[in-house]
Amino acid sequence: MDLRQELHKKIEKIEAVFNIAEVLSLKIDDNYIKRYYRINKIPYSIFHSRKDLIYMGISRDGKFKEDDLLEAARTVEQYIRSLGGRKVLELATGRGANSFYLAKRHPNIQFWGIDISPSQLGRALRKAKLAQNYHPELGDYHILDKFEDNEFDIVFVVEALCYSGRKDRVLSEIYRILKPGGVFIIFDGYRKQAETSWTKEQQLAETLIERGMALNIFESCESFRKKITESKLTIESEEDVSSYVIPTMEKFERLANRLFNSPLLAKIIVKILPKEFTYNAISGYLMPTLIKMGVAAYIITILKKPKE
């Protein structure tokens, strides 16, 4: 079966369980995003990682291992060593898994984290009691007024910048708070191809994935690069690791497949459980196919504030 046939069959199975028009009409705002993370607090731990590493693993050998979920933390660690960094900020710190891991390994370095979700931040605050050098706070990454100019050696964000509709504002704030020579590390998903080249089913699938993940839209690679160019930050490196996240995505695909292969039972589940949880099945089912088709991409981007 080729990928277009695979996508067609998946959409048919989704239509047998969900009201597609209802999914597409979903309005996403900050309150919905907060509710999404609150409702998925336990499911994330059950279905993904009990260590709170709720990210895509970067499986460079093609086989998923729990250790692959630490790729972002290891990347930050590399820059801590190369820059001699003493102060690090994580945007959308969530449950704090990455920063807590790093704080334990680097007790003489101060780690800060902000997140808009109180339910997510609760776990981070509990972790902070076990690491005196980790300081998570409630906050919006568009507004970093609490931090001084030139304060941080490293800022990083994992799979959360995609929720911003004002990335230019975020980039401006990051430029302000980074020290000259400091870096901004981004792990995130994007629309890879221009929409004009997509089939109707690819467009439908991409939008369904976004709604399932409580997203309005994934930005295109080209659009984000333009915003970087317009900021004062420069691209230190950019790595497309789409093929390396497929093993993680296929875990979600297998879970979703159980649901869609039992449509009668699935309809009952969908009626009983909140959409903030059940819509995840749509995203998990479709993501690996769109990655393989080259419609979507997962990229590690390192931006740098030039030295004065």
Foldseek 3Di string as FASTA:
>chain_A
DDLVVVLVVLVVLVVLADDLVVLLPDDFDPVVLLVLCLQCVVVQCVQPNVLPLSAFFQAVVLADDPCSSQPVLVVVVVLCVVVVWQEEEEEQCFLVNSVLVVCVVCVRHAYEYEHQHPSRCVNVVVSCVVGVRYHYDYDDLLDPVVAAFQAGQEYEYEAPCQQDPPVLSNLQVCLGRHHAFHKYKYWHKAFEDDPVPDDPSLVSLQSLLQSLNSHRHGHYPVVVVVSCVVHQKAWPDKDWSLSRRLNVLVSLLVVLVVLSVPNVVNNVVPVPDDSSPSSNSSNSNRVSSCSVVRRMTIMITMIGRHHD
